[in-house]
C-alpha atoms as a PDB file:
ATOM      1  CA  UNK A   1      41.344 115.975 120.637  1.00  0.00           C
ATOM      2  CA  UNK A   2      43.465 113.852 122.826  1.00  0.00           C
ATOM      3  CA  UNK A   3      46.347 115.771 123.967  1.00  0.00           C
ATOM      4  CA  UNK A   4      47.672 112.843 126.430  1.00  0.00           C
ATOM      5  CA  UNK A   5      51.322 112.863 126.090  1.00  0.00           C
ATOM      6  CA  UNK A   6      52.789 109.246 126.236  1.00  0.00           C
ATOM      7  CA  UNK A   7      55.806 107.922 127.763  1.00  0.00           C
ATOM      8  CA  UNK A   8      57.999 104.930 127.104  1.00  0.00           C
ATOM      9  CA  UNK A   9      56.490 103.036 130.145  1.00  0.00           C
ATOM     10  CA  UNK A  10      52.774 103.215 128.766  1.00  0.00           C
ATOM     11  CA  UNK A  11      53.937 100.926 126.331  1.00  0.00           C
ATOM     12  CA  UNK A  12      55.208  98.001 128.609  1.00  0.00           C
ATOM     13  CA  UNK A  13      53.158  94.744 129.158  1.00  0.00           C
ATOM     14  CA  UNK A  14      53.968  91.304 130.797  1.00  0.00           C
ATOM     15  CA  UNK A  15      53.950  88.342 128.115  1.00  0.00           C
ATOM     16  CA  UNK A  16      54.183  84.860 129.155  1.00  0.00           C
ATOM     17  CA  UNK A  17      57.527  83.708 127.869  1.00  0.00           C
ATOM     18  CA  UNK A  18      55.629  80.524 126.160  1.00  0.00           C
ATOM     19  CA  UNK A  19      53.652  83.254 123.773  1.00  0.00           C
ATOM     20  CA  UNK A  20      56.825  83.991 121.802  1.00  0.00           C
ATOM     21  CA  UNK A  21      56.840  82.197 118.746  1.00  0.00           C
ATOM     22  CA  UNK A  22      60.211  80.341 118.398  1.00  0.00           C
ATOM     23  CA  UNK A  23      59.567  78.601 115.034  1.00  0.00           C
ATOM     24  CA  UNK A  24      56.766  79.587 112.321  1.00  0.00           C
ATOM     25  CA  UNK A  25      53.558  78.097 111.794  1.00  0.00           C
ATOM     26  CA  UNK A  26      53.664  74.677 110.276  1.00  0.00           C
ATOM     27  CA  UNK A  27      52.424  76.117 106.759  1.00  0.00           C
ATOM     28  CA  UNK A  28      52.505  80.151 106.159  1.00  0.00           C
ATOM     29  CA  UNK A  29      48.967  80.641 106.022  1.00  0.00           C
ATOM     30  CA  UNK A  30      48.255  78.719 109.233  1.00  0.00           C
ATOM     31  CA  UNK A  31      48.768  81.506 111.533  1.00  0.00           C
ATOM     32  CA  UNK A  32      45.752  83.283 113.565  1.00  0.00           C
ATOM     33  CA  UNK A  33      44.441  86.769 112.847  1.00  0.00           C
ATOM     34  CA  UNK A  34      42.805  89.067 115.168  1.00  0.00           C
ATOM     35  CA  UNK A  35      40.469  91.666 113.808  1.00  0.00           C
ATOM     36  CA  UNK A  36      40.309  94.748 115.460  1.00  0.00           C
ATOM     37  CA  UNK A  37      37.908  97.063 114.355  1.00  0.00           C
ATOM     38  CA  UNK A  38      37.379  99.765 117.334  1.00  0.00           C
ATOM     39  CA  UNK A  39      36.205  97.846 120.341  1.00  0.00           C
ATOM     40  CA  UNK A  40      35.585  94.422 118.300  1.00  0.00           C
ATOM     41  CA  UNK A  41      37.807  91.971 118.644  1.00  0.00           C
ATOM     42  CA  UNK A  42      37.226  88.965 116.327  1.00  0.00           C
ATOM     43  CA  UNK A  43      39.407  85.781 116.301  1.00  0.00           C
ATOM     44  CA  UNK A  44      40.009  84.426 112.916  1.00  0.00           C
ATOM     45  CA  UNK A  45      42.150  82.490 110.806  1.00  0.00           C
ATOM     46  CA  UNK A  46      44.370  84.093 108.237  1.00  0.00           C
ATOM     47  CA  UNK A  47      42.857  82.528 105.507  1.00  0.00           C
ATOM     48  CA  UNK A  48      40.194  84.992 106.023  1.00  0.00           C
ATOM     49  CA  UNK A  49      42.043  87.836 105.240  1.00  0.00           C
ATOM     50  CA  UNK A  50      40.839  88.017 101.210  1.00  0.00           C
ATOM     51  CA  UNK A  51      37.178  88.244 102.145  1.00  0.00           C
ATOM     52  CA  UNK A  52      37.967  91.186 105.171  1.00  0.00           C
ATOM     53  CA  UNK A  53      39.072  93.249 102.084  1.00  0.00           C
ATOM     54  CA  UNK A  54      37.119  94.516  99.235  1.00  0.00           C
ATOM     55  CA  UNK A  55      37.307  94.611  95.520  1.00  0.00           C
ATOM     56  CA  UNK A  56      39.052  97.539  94.598  1.00  0.00           C
ATOM     57  CA  UNK A  57      41.573  97.611  97.746  1.00  0.00           C
ATOM     58  CA  UNK A  58      45.542  98.196  97.128  1.00  0.00           C
ATOM     59  CA  UNK A  59      47.532  95.691  99.282  1.00  0.00           C
ATOM     60  CA  UNK A  60      51.181  97.102  99.660  1.00  0.00           C
ATOM     61  CA  UNK A  61      54.035  94.565 100.120  1.00  0.00           C
ATOM     62  CA  UNK A  62      57.632  95.326 101.473  1.00  0.00           C
ATOM     63  CA  UNK A  63      59.539  92.883  98.843  1.00  0.00           C
ATOM     64  CA  UNK A  64      62.718  93.559 100.815  1.00  0.00           C
ATOM     65  CA  UNK A  65      65.318  90.262 100.973  1.00  0.00           C
ATOM     66  CA  UNK A  66      67.095  89.318 104.566  1.00  0.00           C
ATOM     67  CA  UNK A  67      70.716  89.015 103.770  1.00  0.00           C
ATOM     68  CA  UNK A  68      72.804  86.983 105.845  1.00  0.00           C
ATOM     69  CA  UNK A  69      74.072  89.645 107.603  1.00  0.00           C
ATOM     70  CA  UNK A  70      75.448  87.532 111.008  1.00  0.00           C
ATOM     71  CA  UNK A  71      79.219  86.418 110.989  1.00  0.00           C
ATOM     72  CA  UNK A  72      81.838  85.379 113.560  1.00  0.00           C
ATOM     73  CA  UNK A  73      85.582  86.470 113.540  1.00  0.00           C
ATOM     74  CA  UNK A  74      88.317  86.765 115.774  1.00  0.00           C
ATOM     75  CA  UNK A  75      90.414  90.068 116.379  1.00  0.00           C
ATOM     76  CA  UNK A  76      94.475  90.051 116.319  1.00  0.00           C
ATOM     77  CA  UNK A  77      94.361  89.645 120.150  1.00  0.00           C
ATOM     78  CA  UNK A  78      92.403  86.578 119.629  1.00  0.00           C
ATOM     79  CA  UNK A  79      89.635  87.849 121.186  1.00  0.00           C
ATOM     80  CA  UNK A  80      85.991  86.654 119.294  1.00  0.00           C
ATOM     81  CA  UNK A  81      83.871  89.084 117.517  1.00  0.00           C
ATOM     82  CA  UNK A  82      80.252  89.085 115.841  1.00  0.00           C
ATOM     83  CA  UNK A  83      79.293  90.969 113.294  1.00  0.00           C
ATOM     84  CA  UNK A  84      76.126  92.280 112.205  1.00  0.00           C
ATOM     85  CA  UNK A  85      75.910  93.815 108.898  1.00  0.00           C
ATOM     86  CA  UNK A  86      73.765  97.218 108.975  1.00  0.00           C
ATOM     87  CA  UNK A  87      74.338  98.222 105.357  1.00  0.00           C
ATOM     88  CA  UNK A  88      76.684  97.374 102.253  1.00  0.00           C
ATOM     89  CA  UNK A  89      77.824 100.217 100.412  1.00  0.00           C
ATOM     90  CA  UNK A  90      80.049  98.668  98.151  1.00  0.00           C
ATOM     91  CA  UNK A  91      82.089  95.850  97.535  1.00  0.00           C
ATOM     92  CA  UNK A  92      84.624  96.245 100.214  1.00  0.00           C
ATOM     93  CA  UNK A  93      82.599  98.307 102.412  1.00  0.00           C
ATOM     94  CA  UNK A  94      79.766  98.379 105.132  1.00  0.00           C
ATOM     95  CA  UNK A  95      78.466 100.195 108.385  1.00  0.00           C
ATOM     96  CA  UNK A  96      78.134  97.028 110.747  1.00  0.00           C
ATOM     97  CA  UNK A  97      77.677  96.626 114.438  1.00  0.00           C
ATOM     98  CA  UNK A  98      80.129  94.686 116.464  1.00  0.00           C
ATOM     99  CA  UNK A  99      79.825  92.732 119.633  1.00  0.00           C
ATOM    100  CA  UNK A 100      83.229  91.986 121.502  1.00  0.00           C
ATOM    101  CA  UNK A 101      84.947  91.953 125.121  1.00  0.00           C
ATOM    102  CA  UNK A 102      86.819  94.602 123.924  1.00  0.00           C
ATOM    103  CA  UNK A 103      85.560  96.305 120.765  1.00  0.00           C
ATOM    104  CA  UNK A 104      88.327  97.584 118.082  1.00  0.00           C
ATOM    105  CA  UNK A 105      89.423 100.732 117.845  1.00  0.00           C
ATOM    106  CA  UNK A 106      89.845 102.343 114.076  1.00  0.00           C
ATOM    107  CA  UNK A 107      92.629 100.916 112.210  1.00  0.00           C
ATOM    108  CA  UNK A 108      92.034  97.279 114.031  1.00  0.00           C
ATOM    109  CA  UNK A 109      91.295  94.374 112.119  1.00  0.00           C
ATOM    110  CA  UNK A 110      88.956  91.255 112.377  1.00  0.00           C
ATOM    111  CA  UNK A 111      89.711  88.081 110.632  1.00  0.00           C
ATOM    112  CA  UNK A 112      86.850  86.371 109.344  1.00  0.00           C
ATOM    113  CA  UNK A 113      86.407  82.653 107.491  1.00  0.00           C
ATOM    114  CA  UNK A 114      87.375  82.062 103.668  1.00  0.00           C
ATOM    115  CA  UNK A 115      90.181  84.556 103.704  1.00  0.00           C
ATOM    116  CA  UNK A 116      87.773  88.041 104.593  1.00  0.00           C
ATOM    117  CA  UNK A 117      89.651  90.690 106.630  1.00  0.00           C
ATOM    118  CA  UNK A 118      87.754  93.805 107.763  1.00  0.00           C
ATOM    119  CA  UNK A 119      89.599  97.057 108.935  1.00  0.00           C
ATOM    120  CA  UNK A 120      87.999  99.210 111.204  1.00  0.00           C
ATOM    121  CA  UNK A 121      87.425 102.958 109.503  1.00  0.00           C
ATOM    122  CA  UNK A 122      85.716 104.421 112.332  1.00  0.00           C
ATOM    123  CA  UNK A 123      83.236 104.415 114.757  1.00  0.00           C
ATOM    124  CA  UNK A 124      79.694 106.253 114.919  1.00  0.00           C
ATOM    125  CA  UNK A 125      78.282 105.727 118.420  1.00  0.00           C
ATOM    126  CA  UNK A 126      77.088 102.296 117.849  1.00  0.00           C
ATOM    127  CA  UNK A 127      78.180 101.221 114.240  1.00  0.00           C
ATOM    128  CA  UNK A 128      81.423 100.957 112.774  1.00  0.00           C
ATOM    129  CA  UNK A 129      82.602 101.875 109.374  1.00  0.00           C
ATOM    130  CA  UNK A 130      84.609  98.826 107.855  1.00  0.00           C
ATOM    131  CA  UNK A 131      86.581  98.226 105.030  1.00  0.00           C
ATOM    132  CA  UNK A 132      87.279  94.638 103.543  1.00  0.00           C
ATOM    133  CA  UNK A 133      89.706  92.561 101.732  1.00  0.00           C
ATOM    134  CA  UNK A 134      89.729  88.889 100.587  1.00  0.00           C
ATOM    135  CA  UNK A 135      86.505  88.789  98.784  1.00  0.00           C
ATOM    136  CA  UNK A 136      85.878  90.254  95.154  1.00  0.00           C
ATOM    137  CA  UNK A 137      81.686  91.093  96.524  1.00  0.00           C
ATOM    138  CA  UNK A 138      81.068  91.508 100.197  1.00  0.00           C
ATOM    139  CA  UNK A 139      77.435  90.798  99.099  1.00  0.00           C
ATOM    140  CA  UNK A 140      78.671  87.604  97.632  1.00  0.00           C
ATOM    141  CA  UNK A 141      80.635  86.693 100.523  1.00  0.00           C
ATOM    142  CA  UNK A 142      77.787  87.127 102.857  1.00  0.00           C
ATOM    143  CA  UNK A 143      75.220  85.175 100.969  1.00  0.00           C
ATOM    144  CA  UNK A 144      77.865  82.312 100.717  1.00  0.00           C
ATOM    145  CA  UNK A 145      79.148  82.224 104.637  1.00  0.00           C
ATOM    146  CA  UNK A 146      76.899  84.371 106.863  1.00  0.00           C
ATOM    147  CA  UNK A 147      74.147  83.521 109.082  1.00  0.00           C
ATOM    148  CA  UNK A 148      70.519  84.548 108.782  1.00  0.00           C
ATOM    149  CA  UNK A 149      70.204  87.299 111.855  1.00  0.00           C
ATOM    150  CA  UNK A 150      66.978  85.998 113.636  1.00  0.00           C
ATOM    151  CA  UNK A 151      66.258  88.151 116.283  1.00  0.00           C
ATOM    152  CA  UNK A 152      67.518  88.007 119.687  1.00  0.00           C
ATOM    153  CA  UNK A 153      64.432  86.655 121.364  1.00  0.00           C
ATOM    154  CA  UNK A 154      64.165  83.474 118.910  1.00  0.00           C
ATOM    155  CA  UNK A 155      66.702  81.094 120.927  1.00  0.00           C
ATOM    156  CA  UNK A 156      65.309  78.001 119.052  1.00  0.00           C
ATOM    157  CA  UNK A 157      67.017  77.838 115.410  1.00  0.00           C
ATOM    158  CA  UNK A 158      64.939  75.545 112.823  1.00  0.00           C
ATOM    159  CA  UNK A 159      66.073  74.075 109.609  1.00  0.00           C
ATOM    160  CA  UNK A 160      63.323  75.888 107.842  1.00  0.00           C
ATOM    161  CA  UNK A 161      65.008  79.645 109.149  1.00  0.00           C
ATOM    162  CA  UNK A 162      66.627  80.378 106.088  1.00  0.00           C
ATOM    163  CA  UNK A 163      63.428  79.790 103.878  1.00  0.00           C
ATOM    164  CA  UNK A 164      60.580  80.910 106.260  1.00  0.00           C
ATOM    165  CA  UNK A 165      62.209  84.174 107.574  1.00  0.00           C
ATOM    166  CA  UNK A 166      61.855  85.391 104.210  1.00  0.00           C
ATOM    167  CA  UNK A 167      58.465  86.396 102.762  1.00  0.00           C
ATOM    168  CA  UNK A 168      57.227  84.485  99.216  1.00  0.00           C
ATOM    169  CA  UNK A 169      57.554  87.800  97.199  1.00  0.00           C
ATOM    170  CA  UNK A 170      61.196  89.044  98.535  1.00  0.00           C
ATOM    171  CA  UNK A 171      62.976  90.320  96.268  1.00  0.00           C
ATOM    172  CA  UNK A 172      65.775  93.037  96.552  1.00  0.00           C
ATOM    173  CA  UNK A 173      68.452  92.097  99.101  1.00  0.00           C
ATOM    174  CA  UNK A 174      69.287  94.474 101.735  1.00  0.00           C
ATOM    175  CA  UNK A 175      67.385  93.875 104.791  1.00  0.00           C
ATOM    176  CA  UNK A 176      68.795  92.525 108.281  1.00  0.00           C
ATOM    177  CA  UNK A 177      65.446  91.922 109.593  1.00  0.00           C
ATOM    178  CA  UNK A 178      62.631  90.676 107.905  1.00  0.00           C
ATOM    179  CA  UNK A 179      59.275  92.570 107.137  1.00  0.00           C
ATOM    180  CA  UNK A 180      57.384  89.861 109.169  1.00  0.00           C
ATOM    181  CA  UNK A 181      54.081  90.748 108.624  1.00  0.00           C
ATOM    182  CA  UNK A 182      54.361  89.315 105.184  1.00  0.00           C
ATOM    183  CA  UNK A 183      55.114  85.665 106.268  1.00  0.00           C
ATOM    184  CA  UNK A 184      51.866  84.840 106.449  1.00  0.00           C
ATOM    185  CA  UNK A 185      51.474  85.188 102.697  1.00  0.00           C
ATOM    186  CA  UNK A 186      51.685  81.878 100.476  1.00  0.00           C
ATOM    187  CA  UNK A 187      50.946  81.807  96.993  1.00  0.00           C
ATOM    188  CA  UNK A 188      47.369  80.514  97.336  1.00  0.00           C
ATOM    189  CA  UNK A 189      46.598  83.736  99.602  1.00  0.00           C
ATOM    190  CA  UNK A 190      47.740  85.679  97.198  1.00  0.00           C
ATOM    191  CA  UNK A 191      45.609  83.899  94.880  1.00  0.00           C
ATOM    192  CA  UNK A 192      42.724  84.503  96.599  1.00  0.00           C
ATOM    193  CA  UNK A 193      43.261  88.240  97.165  1.00  0.00           C
ATOM    194  CA  UNK A 194      43.513  88.439  93.410  1.00  0.00           C
ATOM    195  CA  UNK A 195      40.068  86.487  92.541  1.00  0.00           C
ATOM    196  CA  UNK A 196      38.947  88.956  95.334  1.00  0.00           C
ATOM    197  CA  UNK A 197      39.153  91.650  92.852  1.00  0.00           C
ATOM    198  CA  UNK A 198      42.025  92.971  95.465  1.00  0.00           C
ATOM    199  CA  UNK A 199      44.849  94.717  93.619  1.00  0.00           C
ATOM    200  CA  UNK A 200      48.730  94.564  95.118  1.00  0.00           C
ATOM    201  CA  UNK A 201      52.032  96.970  94.849  1.00  0.00           C
ATOM    202  CA  UNK A 202      55.365  96.484  96.209  1.00  0.00           C
ATOM    203  CA  UNK A 203      57.572  98.766  98.123  1.00  0.00           C
ATOM    204  CA  UNK A 204      61.013  98.078  99.170  1.00  0.00           C
ATOM    205  CA  UNK A 205      62.110  98.923 102.717  1.00  0.00           C
ATOM    206  CA  UNK A 206      65.349  97.710 104.153  1.00  0.00           C
ATOM    207  CA  UNK A 207      64.983  97.098 107.801  1.00  0.00           C
ATOM    208  CA  UNK A 208      67.887  97.852 109.833  1.00  0.00           C
ATOM    209  CA  UNK A 209      69.698  96.678 112.482  1.00  0.00           C
ATOM    210  CA  UNK A 210      68.631  99.605 114.362  1.00  0.00           C
ATOM    211  CA  UNK A 211      65.178  98.026 114.821  1.00  0.00           C
ATOM    212  CA  UNK A 212      66.300  95.708 117.436  1.00  0.00           C
ATOM    213  CA  UNK A 213      67.412  98.733 119.383  1.00  0.00           C
ATOM    214  CA  UNK A 214      65.558  99.794 122.721  1.00  0.00           C
ATOM    215  CA  UNK A 215      63.803 103.019 123.426  1.00  0.00           C
ATOM    216  CA  UNK A 216      66.472 104.151 126.057  1.00  0.00           C
ATOM    217  CA  UNK A 217      64.637 107.444 127.548  1.00  0.00           C
ATOM    218  CA  UNK A 218      61.396 107.768 129.393  1.00  0.00           C
ATOM    219  CA  UNK A 219      61.095 111.276 126.922  1.00  0.00           C
ATOM    220  CA  UNK A 220      59.734 110.180 123.799  1.00  0.00           C
ATOM    221  CA  UNK A 221      60.570 113.107 122.132  1.00  0.00           C
ATOM    222  CA  UNK A 222      63.863 112.146 123.227  1.00  0.00           C
ATOM    223  CA  UNK A 223      64.341 109.202 120.759  1.00  0.00           C
ATOM    224  CA  UNK A 224      66.050 109.225 117.549  1.00  0.00           C
ATOM    225  CA  UNK A 225      64.962 106.618 115.274  1.00  0.00           C
ATOM    226  CA  UNK A 226      67.837 104.593 112.998  1.00  0.00           C
ATOM    227  CA  UNK A 227      67.494 105.851 109.495  1.00  0.00           C
ATOM    228  CA  UNK A 228      66.176 103.216 106.626  1.00  0.00           C
ATOM    229  CA  UNK A 229      66.446 103.205 103.181  1.00  0.00           C
ATOM    230  CA  UNK A 230      63.395 102.604 101.263  1.00  0.00           C
ATOM    231  CA  UNK A 231      62.149 102.827  97.257  1.00  0.00           C
ATOM    232  CA  UNK A 232      58.776 103.355  96.030  1.00  0.00           C
ATOM    233  CA  UNK A 233      58.183 102.302  92.340  1.00  0.00           C
ATOM    234  CA  UNK A 234      56.639 104.321  89.717  1.00  0.00           C
ATOM    235  CA  UNK A 235      54.099 101.911  89.384  1.00  0.00           C
ATOM    236  CA  UNK A 236      52.974 101.800  93.300  1.00  0.00           C
ATOM    237  CA  UNK A 237      52.728 105.521  93.227  1.00  0.00           C
ATOM    238  CA  UNK A 238      50.220 105.018  90.437  1.00  0.00           C
ATOM    239  CA  UNK A 239      48.532 102.072  92.267  1.00  0.00           C
ATOM    240  CA  UNK A 240      48.067 104.309  95.162  1.00  0.00           C
ATOM    241  CA  UNK A 241      46.504 107.204  92.999  1.00  0.00           C
ATOM    242  CA  UNK A 242      44.202 104.859  90.866  1.00  0.00           C
ATOM    243  CA  UNK A 243      42.780 103.007  94.153  1.00  0.00           C
ATOM    244  CA  UNK A 244      42.156 106.395  95.764  1.00  0.00           C
ATOM    245  CA  UNK A 245      40.550 107.592  92.622  1.00  0.00           C
ATOM    246  CA  UNK A 246      37.689 104.490  92.529  1.00  0.00           C
ATOM    247  CA  UNK A 247      37.499 104.948  96.604  1.00  0.00           C
ATOM    248  CA  UNK A 248      39.807 101.461  97.474  1.00  0.00           C
ATOM    249  CA  UNK A 249      41.551 101.670 100.857  1.00  0.00           C
ATOM    250  CA  UNK A 250      45.393 101.265 101.199  1.00  0.00           C
ATOM    251  CA  UNK A 251      46.280  98.162 102.917  1.00  0.00           C
ATOM    252  CA  UNK A 252      49.840  98.248 104.354  1.00  0.00           C
ATOM    253  CA  UNK A 253      51.326  94.818 105.191  1.00  0.00           C
ATOM    254  CA  UNK A 254      53.438  95.615 107.746  1.00  0.00           C
ATOM    255  CA  UNK A 255      54.960  98.628 109.621  1.00  0.00           C
ATOM    256  CA  UNK A 256      57.964  98.732 107.156  1.00  0.00           C
ATOM    257  CA  UNK A 257      55.483  99.259 104.237  1.00  0.00           C
ATOM    258  CA  UNK A 258      53.394 101.801 106.180  1.00  0.00           C
ATOM    259  CA  UNK A 259      56.281 103.913 107.044  1.00  0.00           C
ATOM    260  CA  UNK A 260      57.566 104.012 103.421  1.00  0.00           C
ATOM    261  CA  UNK A 261      54.157 104.896 102.060  1.00  0.00           C
ATOM    262  CA  UNK A 262      53.773 107.644 104.940  1.00  0.00           C
ATOM    263  CA  UNK A 263      57.492 108.650 104.517  1.00  0.00           C
ATOM    264  CA  UNK A 264      57.014 109.205 100.761  1.00  0.00           C
ATOM    265  CA  UNK A 265      53.928 111.417 101.052  1.00  0.00           C
ATOM    266  CA  UNK A 266      55.602 114.505 100.893  1.00  0.00           C
ATOM    267  CA  UNK A 267      52.654 116.636 100.264  1.00  0.00           C
ATOM    268  CA  UNK A 268      50.658 114.932 102.738  1.00  0.00           C
ATOM    269  CA  UNK A 269      48.292 113.871  99.822  1.00  0.00           C
ATOM    270  CA  UNK A 270      50.323 112.174  96.812  1.00  0.00           C
ATOM    271  CA  UNK A 271      52.984 109.348  97.144  1.00  0.00           C
ATOM    272  CA  UNK A 272      55.801 109.910  95.234  1.00  0.00           C
ATOM    273  CA  UNK A 273      57.827 107.695  93.659  1.00  0.00           C
ATOM    274  CA  UNK A 274      61.713 107.171  94.346  1.00  0.00           C
ATOM    275  CA  UNK A 275      64.206 106.403  96.525  1.00  0.00           C
ATOM    276  CA  UNK A 276      65.102 107.894  99.830  1.00  0.00           C
ATOM    277  CA  UNK A 277      65.612 107.433 103.639  1.00  0.00           C
ATOM    278  CA  UNK A 278      63.403 107.744 106.364  1.00  0.00           C
ATOM    279  CA  UNK A 279      63.686 108.123 110.432  1.00  0.00           C
ATOM    280  CA  UNK A 280      60.206 108.775 110.799  1.00  0.00           C
ATOM    281  CA  UNK A 281      59.109 108.025 114.623  1.00  0.00           C
ATOM    282  CA  UNK A 282      55.357 107.298 114.655  1.00  0.00           C
ATOM    283  CA  UNK A 283      53.641 107.622 118.406  1.00  0.00           C
ATOM    284  CA  UNK A 284      50.302 108.625 119.118  1.00  0.00           C
ATOM    285  CA  UNK A 285      49.038 111.840 117.875  1.00  0.00           C
ATOM    286  CA  UNK A 286      50.574 111.476 114.313  1.00  0.00           C
ATOM    287  CA  UNK A 287      48.201 112.152 111.471  1.00  0.00           C
ATOM    288  CA  UNK A 288      48.317 109.391 108.790  1.00  0.00           C
ATOM    289  CA  UNK A 289      47.886 110.442 105.197  1.00  0.00           C
ATOM    290  CA  UNK A 290      47.785 106.925 103.168  1.00  0.00           C
ATOM    291  CA  UNK A 291      47.273 103.951 104.996  1.00  0.00           C
ATOM    292  CA  UNK A 292      43.625 103.160 105.903  1.00  0.00           C
ATOM    293  CA  UNK A 293      44.147  99.249 106.855  1.00  0.00           C
ATOM    294  CA  UNK A 294      47.377  98.008 108.587  1.00  0.00           C
ATOM    295  CA  UNK A 295      48.375  94.149 109.132  1.00  0.00           C
ATOM    296  CA  UNK A 296      50.738  93.153 111.261  1.00  0.00           C
ATOM    297  CA  UNK A 297      51.902  90.974 113.985  1.00  0.00           C
ATOM    298  CA  UNK A 298      52.351  91.711 117.909  1.00  0.00           C
ATOM    299  CA  UNK A 299      55.559  93.800 118.601  1.00  0.00           C
ATOM    300  CA  UNK A 300      57.665  93.919 121.760  1.00  0.00           C
ATOM    301  CA  UNK A 301      56.769  95.685 124.972  1.00  0.00           C
ATOM    302  CA  UNK A 302      58.560  99.263 125.074  1.00  0.00           C
ATOM    303  CA  UNK A 303      59.135  99.176 121.241  1.00  0.00           C
ATOM    304  CA  UNK A 304      58.774 101.725 118.328  1.00  0.00           C
ATOM    305  CA  UNK A 305      56.413  99.576 116.708  1.00  0.00           C
ATOM    306  CA  UNK A 306      54.016  99.125 119.154  1.00  0.00           C
ATOM    307  CA  UNK A 307      54.128 102.923 119.551  1.00  0.00           C
ATOM    308  CA  UNK A 308      53.186 103.084 116.062  1.00  0.00           C
ATOM    309  CA  UNK A 309      50.107 100.628 116.122  1.00  0.00           C
ATOM    310  CA  UNK A 310      48.935 102.256 118.894  1.00  0.00           C
ATOM    311  CA  UNK A 311      49.263 105.602 116.732  1.00  0.00           C
ATOM    312  CA  UNK A 312      47.281 103.930 114.237  1.00  0.00           C
ATOM    313  CA  UNK A 313      44.189 102.058 115.909  1.00  0.00           C
ATOM    314  CA  UNK A 314      44.301 104.007 119.010  1.00  0.00           C
ATOM    315  CA  UNK A 315      46.021 103.703 122.395  1.00  0.00           C
ATOM    316  CA  UNK A 316      43.312 101.943 124.006  1.00  0.00           C
ATOM    317  CA  UNK A 317      42.351  99.969 121.346  1.00  0.00           C
ATOM    318  CA  UNK A 318      45.579  98.381 121.251  1.00  0.00           C
ATOM    319  CA  UNK A 319      45.878  97.701 125.115  1.00  0.00           C
ATOM    320  CA  UNK A 320      42.343  95.613 124.819  1.00  0.00           C
ATOM    321  CA  UNK A 321      43.701  94.241 122.327  1.00  0.00           C
ATOM    322  CA  UNK A 322      46.847  92.716 123.185  1.00  0.00           C
ATOM    323  CA  UNK A 323      45.194  91.694 126.551  1.00  0.00           C
ATOM    324  CA  UNK A 324      42.785  89.754 124.574  1.00  0.00           C
ATOM    325  CA  UNK A 325      45.848  88.179 122.649  1.00  0.00           C
ATOM    326  CA  UNK A 326      47.425  86.910 125.756  1.00  0.00           C
ATOM    327  CA  UNK A 327      44.078  85.239 127.153  1.00  0.00           C
ATOM    328  CA  UNK A 328      43.362  83.819 124.208  1.00  0.00           C
ATOM    329  CA  UNK A 329      47.267  82.271 123.825  1.00  0.00           C
ATOM    330  CA  UNK A 330      47.976  84.182 120.504  1.00  0.00           C
ATOM    331  CA  UNK A 331      51.743  83.514 119.063  1.00  0.00           C
ATOM    332  CA  UNK A 332      53.991  86.954 119.458  1.00  0.00           C
ATOM    333  CA  UNK A 333      56.640  88.642 117.447  1.00  0.00           C
ATOM    334  CA  UNK A 334      58.374  87.504 114.071  1.00  0.00           C
ATOM    335  CA  UNK A 335      57.133  84.056 113.865  1.00  0.00           C
ATOM    336  CA  UNK A 336      53.794  84.683 115.513  1.00  0.00           C
ATOM    337  CA  UNK A 337      50.205  85.287 114.533  1.00  0.00           C
ATOM    338  CA  UNK A 338      48.835  88.321 112.852  1.00  0.00           C
ATOM    339  CA  UNK A 339      46.165  91.584 113.799  1.00  0.00           C
ATOM    340  CA  UNK A 340      44.372  93.471 111.317  1.00  0.00           C
ATOM    341  CA  UNK A 341      43.978  97.015 112.149  1.00  0.00           C
ATOM    342  CA  UNK A 342      41.737  99.689 111.278  1.00  0.00           C
ATOM    343  CA  UNK A 343      42.575 103.773 111.916  1.00  0.00           C
ATOM    344  CA  UNK A 344      41.229 105.857 115.113  1.00  0.00           C
ATOM    345  CA  UNK A 345      40.742 108.188 114.119  1.00  0.00           C
ATOM    346  CA  UNK A 346      39.936 107.497 110.604  1.00  0.00           C
ATOM    347  CA  UNK A 347      43.094 108.469 108.399  1.00  0.00           C
ATOM    348  CA  UNK A 348      43.180 112.175 107.648  1.00  0.00           C
ATOM    349  CA  UNK A 349      40.275 113.301 110.340  1.00  0.00           C
ATOM    350  CA  UNK A 350      41.308 116.335 112.145  1.00  0.00           C
ATOM    351  CA  UNK A 351      41.868 114.692 115.236  1.00  0.00           C
ATOM    352  CA  UNK A 352      44.845 113.546 114.597  1.00  0.00           C
ATOM    353  CA  UNK A 353      48.076 115.248 115.495  1.00  0.00           C
ATOM    354  CA  UNK A 354      51.528 115.220 114.135  1.00  0.00           C
ATOM    355  CA  UNK A 355      53.889 115.089 116.969  1.00  0.00           C
ATOM    356  CA  UNK A 356      56.681 113.718 115.898  1.00  0.00           C
ATOM    357  CA  UNK A 357      57.851 113.025 112.324  1.00  0.00           C
ATOM    358  CA  UNK A 358      60.997 112.251 110.227  1.00  0.00           C
END
């Protein structure tokens, strides 16, 4: 058993700025794929993915849809405000992040375009609860007047962002960041999986604005994950059980699908259907109970997502894979290339240890 205790600085690395992908690949499946299997690192193309899976495997996608969550407004004093909607509670109420030179206090109002006015109800740390008037539905207003909230490291906007910063199977609106591992799938790749005999299923996890929040403490046990909503359909829970029964693997597309599945395995054996919330923080030592294979993009230094993939594939394996990807000029982050990971040690092994959970 590996009893090493990891700190935030263990997940740092240096990335040449030009490797941060500013725009998506010309076509979705034109990305590269780093196939990681222990010490073996194989450079592939994303179109190779179906051939790396087996008939009977189950691929699980996150079908959340990114809302136009970023808007700008003006305080009564005339100061400019940027608002990022974290969660819409009702037609007239939401939890948001605000950026301004002087943040408004409870009772303060912000004027937005097209007659929308927001009032601060209360503040809880970095989040504000706001009530809105001037629109019959906040969701509809955002859909017409808001901007797609691209991550801060994407500084060069493209005309294709509104379409390409969504997966082709996005369905349920509610995320403020995309499940980016799904960007690589197009109709042809999904068809190739079906022809291969690979089954597919969907979960919904609405990625929150907290996904952009850095880890602020060197001691990982002091970090508190943001809470995200997820839903496991009964059909997906059944599909997982059928795949297990026939000896198929559970392949999670992205860290969000993985977190939803692992969070729903409440008895550490069976994935339970239903809606819930998760603040699951996965670091090396976590014992995985559901997912056998993970498809994911390359993640930011010192991020909780880098910690998750290090827990899944092994810390040293991920360090070597990232060093290889940098040498081979892979494209990083949301619009970047992908990697295919297997667990180290294998899922459910007694050598895995749960250290931090929901």
